[in-house]
Amino acid sequence: MNSDRLTNLIQAACVLEATARKPGNVHPQAAFDDLHYRDFVTAAKIVAPILAEAGTLGVGRAVFDSVEATHSQLGKNVNLGIALLIAPLAAVPPGVLLDVGVRDVLRNLTQHDADLVYLAIQLVNPGGMGKVEAEDVSGPPSVTLLNAMQLAAGRDTIARQYVDNFDLVLQTAASLLTEANEFHDRWEEAIVRLHLHLMAECPDTLIARKCGNETAQVSSRKAQQVLDAGWPHSEQGRILLAELDTWLRSDGNRRNPGTTADIVAASLFAAFRDGDLSPPSWEDMLGDTFDGDPA
């Protein structure tokens, strides 16, 4: 797979994730005070060609360059989590399936990769990070990036992907996406359903960092209730989805399930990259939501 093709798939995955009207997240009809849908579309265009070169640049460099370029142009943290998840996947050599190739990528991560990822985190200073005793991101790391992720895996779903060989992305989420009927025509439903399943199975760790584990557990139960009520085919399911969206957006959007959204973006990229799904056209993705050619 050539770099241009990889760039297109990364950009498509990021834009598609942002466009789907997922509860609690930014999308074309919902913004935060400091983040808007256009930011995500612009950021996808910025980082896609950088992440597509992760196999040459190295994972740490691809993450740092992506975050720095986005911050330089937009002045905010739009895609740190997405970069952390997609960079190792994009670094898998062409022709090698992700669930096979990502293991070698992760095993070969270095302390230099950790240095660059720590610098990326320090640059954007994401919310709710707090302090830890070992390898805190406020200082330079003394271990490889994989070792650092192992230390953080118990409190961060993105870090856990590095430890679990991206099992949540490549197995759980991939299965849910590929089971979706008529993805080209019903991609938004498939993405929202995936988002709900992930929230229900893995309490969002961004919510946990900002609001505490109990609130994250509540969000998980509420997502499961939406699914149990038969969303999207039942009126009760649709009512509960709207109530979940309102609840997640309360408290100044501090309950934003941003980690779940990052997992969704990485899962879409993985499905596109390995050929399990193909992205819809830009026109079908964006419709009238964005006035300009994202490509």
Protein backbone atom coordinates (compact mmCIF):
# COMPACT_ATOMS: atom_id res chain seq x y z
CA MET A 1 0.00 0.00 0.00
CA ASN A 2 1.57 3.29 -1.08
CA SER A 3 1.81 6.39 1.08
CA ASP A 4 -0.91 8.31 -0.76
CA ARG A 5 -3.38 5.47 -0.25
CA LEU A 6 -2.49 5.22 3.43
CA THR A 7 -2.88 8.99 3.79
CA ASN A 8 -6.36 8.84 2.28
CA LEU A 9 -7.44 6.02 4.59
CA ILE A 10 -6.16 7.78 7.71
CA GLN A 11 -7.86 11.01 6.73
CA ALA A 12 -11.10 9.21 5.91
CA ALA A 13 -11.12 7.39 9.25
CA CYS A 14 -10.54 10.60 11.22
CA VAL A 15 -13.14 12.59 9.31
CA LEU A 16 -15.71 9.81 9.46
CA GLU A 17 -15.30 9.46 13.22
CA ALA A 18 -15.79 13.21 13.70
CA THR A 19 -18.76 13.39 11.35
CA ALA A 20 -20.84 10.64 12.98
CA ARG A 21 -23.16 12.15 15.59
CA LYS A 22 -21.80 10.21 18.55
CA PRO A 23 -23.16 11.06 22.00
CA GLY A 24 -21.00 13.47 23.94
CA ASN A 25 -18.54 14.23 21.13
CA VAL A 26 -18.03 17.09 18.69
CA HIS A 27 -19.77 16.59 15.33
CA PRO A 28 -21.27 18.88 12.65
CA GLN A 29 -24.22 19.81 14.86
CA ALA A 30 -22.41 19.96 18.21
CA ALA A 31 -19.32 21.85 19.38
CA PHE A 32 -17.45 22.54 22.60
CA ASP A 33 -16.36 26.02 23.65
CA ASP A 34 -12.85 25.33 22.40
CA LEU A 35 -13.35 22.60 19.78
CA HIS A 36 -15.43 22.56 16.62
CA TYR A 37 -16.11 20.07 13.86
CA ARG A 38 -14.01 22.06 11.42
CA ASP A 39 -11.02 21.63 13.74
CA PHE A 40 -11.25 17.86 13.43
CA VAL A 41 -11.60 17.93 9.66
CA THR A 42 -8.63 20.29 9.36
CA ALA A 43 -6.57 18.23 11.81
CA ALA A 44 -7.27 15.06 9.84
CA LYS A 45 -5.85 16.69 6.73
CA ILE A 46 -2.80 17.88 8.66
CA VAL A 47 -1.83 14.60 10.29
CA ALA A 48 -2.78 12.00 7.69
CA PRO A 49 0.34 12.40 5.51
CA ILE A 50 2.57 12.47 8.60
CA LEU A 51 1.10 9.34 10.17
CA ALA A 52 1.24 7.60 6.79
CA GLU A 53 5.04 7.85 7.04
CA ALA A 54 5.23 6.28 10.51
CA GLY A 55 7.05 3.25 9.15
CA THR A 56 9.88 5.51 7.98
CA LEU A 57 9.74 8.21 10.64
CA GLY A 58 9.25 5.90 13.61
CA VAL A 59 6.23 5.87 15.90
CA GLY A 60 7.45 8.53 18.33
CA ARG A 61 8.46 10.94 15.59
CA ALA A 62 5.16 10.44 13.75
CA VAL A 63 3.21 11.17 16.93
CA PHE A 64 5.24 14.25 17.82
CA ASP A 65 5.23 15.69 14.31
CA SER A 66 1.46 15.14 14.02
CA VAL A 67 0.71 16.81 17.34
CA GLU A 68 3.16 19.67 16.74
CA ALA A 69 1.77 20.37 13.25
CA THR A 70 -1.81 20.38 14.53
CA HIS A 71 -0.94 22.58 17.50
CA SER A 72 1.00 24.96 15.29
CA GLN A 73 -1.93 25.46 12.92
CA LEU A 74 -4.88 25.19 15.29
CA GLY A 75 -3.36 26.07 18.68
CA LYS A 76 -5.13 23.26 20.50
CA ASN A 77 -5.11 19.52 21.22
CA VAL A 78 -7.31 17.90 18.61
CA ASN A 79 -5.74 14.52 17.94
CA LEU A 80 -3.10 13.38 20.43
CA GLY A 81 -5.00 10.16 21.17
CA ILE A 82 -5.65 9.47 17.51
CA ALA A 83 -1.97 9.94 16.69
CA LEU A 84 -0.91 7.62 19.52
CA LEU A 85 -3.25 4.91 18.23
CA ILE A 86 -2.81 5.21 14.48
CA ALA A 87 0.98 5.69 14.37
CA PRO A 88 1.87 2.08 15.38
CA LEU A 89 -0.78 0.70 13.03
CA ALA A 90 0.41 2.85 10.12
CA ALA A 91 3.98 1.68 10.79
CA VAL A 92 3.10 -1.94 9.96
CA PRO A 93 4.79 -2.84 6.65
CA PRO A 94 2.63 -3.02 3.52
CA GLY A 95 1.17 -6.42 2.84
CA VAL A 96 1.28 -7.47 6.50
CA LEU A 97 -2.01 -7.72 8.39
CA LEU A 98 -2.20 -5.36 11.33
CA ASP A 99 -2.82 -7.97 14.02
CA VAL A 100 0.39 -9.70 12.94
CA GLY A 101 2.61 -6.74 12.12
CA VAL A 102 1.77 -4.46 15.03
CA ARG A 103 3.43 -6.89 17.46
CA ASP A 104 6.83 -6.30 15.87
CA VAL A 105 6.25 -2.55 15.76
CA LEU A 106 5.48 -2.48 19.47
CA ARG A 107 8.41 -4.72 20.41
CA ASN A 108 10.81 -2.43 18.56
CA LEU A 109 9.72 0.80 20.25
CA THR A 110 12.62 2.65 21.88
CA GLN A 111 13.32 5.18 24.57
CA HIS A 112 13.66 7.75 21.81
CA ASP A 113 10.05 7.01 20.83
CA ALA A 114 9.10 7.61 24.46
CA ASP A 115 11.05 10.90 24.51
CA LEU A 116 9.11 12.19 21.52
CA VAL A 117 5.70 11.03 22.79
CA TYR A 118 6.37 12.68 26.16
CA LEU A 119 7.27 15.90 24.35
CA ALA A 120 4.03 15.69 22.37
CA ILE A 121 2.02 15.25 25.57
CA GLN A 122 3.84 18.13 27.25
CA LEU A 123 3.17 20.35 24.23
CA VAL A 124 -0.62 20.00 24.35
CA ASN A 125 -1.02 19.27 28.08
CA PRO A 126 -4.24 17.22 27.84
CA GLY A 127 -6.78 17.55 30.62
CA GLY A 128 -6.89 15.36 33.70
CA MET A 129 -3.41 13.90 33.43
CA GLY A 130 -2.52 14.27 37.11
CA LYS A 131 0.79 12.99 38.52
CA VAL A 132 2.18 9.47 38.90
CA GLU A 133 5.25 8.21 40.72
CA ALA A 134 6.91 6.31 37.86
CA GLU A 135 7.71 7.85 34.48
CA ASP A 136 5.38 10.83 34.86
CA VAL A 137 4.92 12.67 31.57
CA SER A 138 6.03 15.97 33.09
CA GLY A 139 9.66 14.82 32.86
CA PRO A 140 11.81 12.82 30.46
CA PRO A 141 11.27 9.06 30.35
CA SER A 142 13.92 6.53 31.29
CA VAL A 143 12.24 3.56 29.58
CA THR A 144 11.01 2.56 26.13
CA LEU A 145 7.64 3.72 24.91
CA LEU A 146 6.21 0.22 25.36
CA ASN A 147 7.48 0.13 28.96
CA ALA A 148 5.92 3.53 29.62
CA MET A 149 2.61 2.37 28.18
CA GLN A 150 2.74 -0.75 30.37
CA LEU A 151 2.97 1.49 33.44
CA ALA A 152 -0.06 3.52 32.29
CA ALA A 153 -2.20 0.65 30.97
CA GLY A 154 -4.24 0.27 34.13
CA ARG A 155 -5.54 3.84 33.93
CA ASP A 156 -5.59 4.59 30.21
CA THR A 157 -7.27 2.65 27.40
CA ILE A 158 -4.92 4.03 24.76
CA ALA A 159 -1.87 2.87 26.70
CA ARG A 160 -3.52 -0.52 27.15
CA GLN A 161 -3.64 -0.98 23.37
CA TYR A 162 0.16 -1.00 23.28
CA VAL A 163 0.24 -3.70 25.96
CA ASP A 164 -2.57 -5.83 24.46
CA ASN A 165 -1.33 -5.66 20.85
CA PHE A 166 -4.29 -3.41 19.99
CA ASP A 167 -6.76 -6.19 20.78
CA LEU A 168 -9.67 -3.82 21.46
CA VAL A 169 -9.10 -2.06 18.12
CA LEU A 170 -8.24 -5.03 15.93
CA GLN A 171 -10.51 -7.70 17.39
CA THR A 172 -13.46 -6.31 19.35
CA ALA A 173 -14.05 -3.12 17.37
CA ALA A 174 -13.14 -4.66 14.01
CA SER A 175 -15.70 -7.41 14.51
CA LEU A 176 -18.44 -4.91 15.34
CA LEU A 177 -17.63 -2.80 12.30
CA THR A 178 -17.45 -5.67 9.84
CA GLU A 179 -20.75 -7.04 11.12
CA ALA A 180 -22.45 -3.78 10.14
CA ASN A 181 -24.89 -4.21 7.27
CA GLU A 182 -24.45 -1.92 4.26
CA PHE A 183 -21.67 0.15 5.84
CA HIS A 184 -21.45 2.46 2.83
CA ASP A 185 -25.06 3.54 3.27
CA ARG A 186 -25.36 3.20 7.05
CA TRP A 187 -21.90 4.16 8.25
CA GLU A 188 -23.15 6.66 10.82
CA GLU A 189 -25.33 4.07 12.52
CA ALA A 190 -22.42 1.60 12.51
CA ILE A 191 -20.05 4.15 14.06
CA VAL A 192 -22.49 5.28 16.76
CA ARG A 193 -23.22 1.65 17.60
CA LEU A 194 -19.49 0.94 17.88
CA HIS A 195 -19.07 4.01 20.08
CA LEU A 196 -21.84 2.80 22.41
CA HIS A 197 -20.45 -0.74 22.59
CA LEU A 198 -16.98 0.55 23.42
CA MET A 199 -18.32 2.92 26.07
CA ALA A 200 -20.31 0.07 27.61
CA GLU A 201 -17.40 -2.39 27.58
CA CYS A 202 -14.59 0.01 28.55
CA PRO A 203 -15.52 2.95 30.77
CA ASP A 204 -13.98 5.97 29.10
CA THR A 205 -10.65 6.81 30.70
CA LEU A 206 -10.78 10.49 29.71
CA ILE A 207 -14.01 10.77 31.69
CA ALA A 208 -12.34 8.86 34.53
CA ARG A 209 -9.34 11.24 34.55
CA LYS A 210 -11.51 14.36 34.56
CA CYS A 211 -14.50 13.26 36.65
CA GLY A 212 -13.49 10.10 38.49
CA ASN A 213 -13.97 6.38 37.99
CA GLU A 214 -17.53 6.40 39.37
CA THR A 215 -18.68 8.86 36.70
CA ALA A 216 -16.96 6.79 34.01
CA GLN A 217 -18.79 3.70 35.27
CA VAL A 218 -22.11 5.59 35.14
CA SER A 219 -21.41 6.58 31.53
CA SER A 220 -20.72 2.95 30.73
CA ARG A 221 -24.01 1.79 32.24
CA LYS A 222 -25.96 4.48 30.42
CA ALA A 223 -24.43 3.42 27.08
CA GLN A 224 -25.41 -0.19 27.75
CA GLN A 225 -28.96 0.90 28.56
CA VAL A 226 -29.22 2.56 25.14
CA LEU A 227 -28.19 -0.66 23.44
CA ASP A 228 -30.43 -2.81 25.64
CA ALA A 229 -33.39 -0.59 24.75
CA GLY A 230 -32.98 -1.49 21.08
CA TRP A 231 -31.37 1.63 19.65
CA PRO A 232 -31.76 2.69 16.85
CA HIS A 233 -34.91 0.74 16.06
CA SER A 234 -36.94 1.53 19.17
CA GLU A 235 -38.34 4.84 20.38
CA GLN A 236 -37.09 4.14 23.89
CA GLY A 237 -33.58 3.53 22.56
CA ARG A 238 -33.62 6.84 20.72
CA ILE A 239 -34.89 8.65 23.81
CA LEU A 240 -32.16 7.13 25.98
CA LEU A 241 -29.50 8.05 23.39
CA ALA A 242 -30.64 11.67 23.47
CA GLU A 243 -30.61 11.63 27.28
CA LEU A 244 -27.11 10.12 27.29
CA ASP A 245 -25.92 12.83 24.90
CA THR A 246 -27.36 15.57 27.12
CA TRP A 247 -25.82 14.04 30.25
CA LEU A 248 -22.38 13.69 28.65
CA ARG A 249 -22.46 17.32 27.50
CA SER A 250 -23.39 18.66 30.94
CA ASP A 251 -20.79 19.85 33.43
CA GLY A 252 -19.02 21.87 30.74
CA ASN A 253 -18.41 18.84 28.50
CA ARG A 254 -16.10 17.33 31.13
CA ARG A 255 -17.84 13.99 30.51
CA ASN A 256 -16.72 13.96 26.89
CA PRO A 257 -15.91 10.32 25.98
CA GLY A 258 -12.85 11.37 24.02
CA THR A 259 -10.82 8.21 24.53
CA THR A 260 -13.67 6.17 23.07
CA ALA A 261 -13.77 8.47 20.04
CA ASP A 262 -10.03 7.94 19.50
CA ILE A 263 -10.51 4.17 19.61
CA VAL A 264 -13.31 4.52 17.03
CA ALA A 265 -11.03 6.47 14.66
CA ALA A 266 -8.25 3.90 14.97
CA SER A 267 -10.72 1.05 14.44
CA LEU A 268 -12.04 2.62 11.27
CA PHE A 269 -8.52 3.08 9.95
CA ALA A 270 -7.68 -0.54 10.78
CA ALA A 271 -10.77 -1.83 8.98
CA PHE A 272 -10.00 0.30 5.92
CA ARG A 273 -6.31 -0.55 5.89
CA ASP A 274 -6.78 -4.33 6.06
CA GLY A 275 -9.58 -4.24 3.50
CA ASP A 276 -12.41 -5.35 5.78
CA LEU A 277 -14.32 -2.19 4.88
CA SER A 278 -13.87 0.61 2.38
CA PRO A 279 -14.68 4.23 3.23
CA PRO A 280 -17.61 5.98 1.60
CA SER A 281 -16.94 8.83 -0.80
CA TRP A 282 -16.09 12.26 0.56
CA GLU A 283 -19.45 13.51 -0.70
CA ASP A 284 -21.27 10.75 1.19
CA MET A 285 -19.20 11.40 4.30
CA LEU A 286 -19.47 15.16 4.46
CA GLY A 287 -22.61 16.08 2.54
CA ASP A 288 -23.36 19.71 3.33
CA THR A 289 -21.46 19.72 6.62
CA PHE A 290 -18.21 21.18 5.34
CA ASP A 291 -17.70 23.79 2.64
CA GLY A 292 -14.49 22.74 1.03
CA ASP A 293 -12.60 19.81 -0.39
CA PRO A 294 -10.97 17.92 2.50
CA ALA A 295 -8.59 16.16 0.13
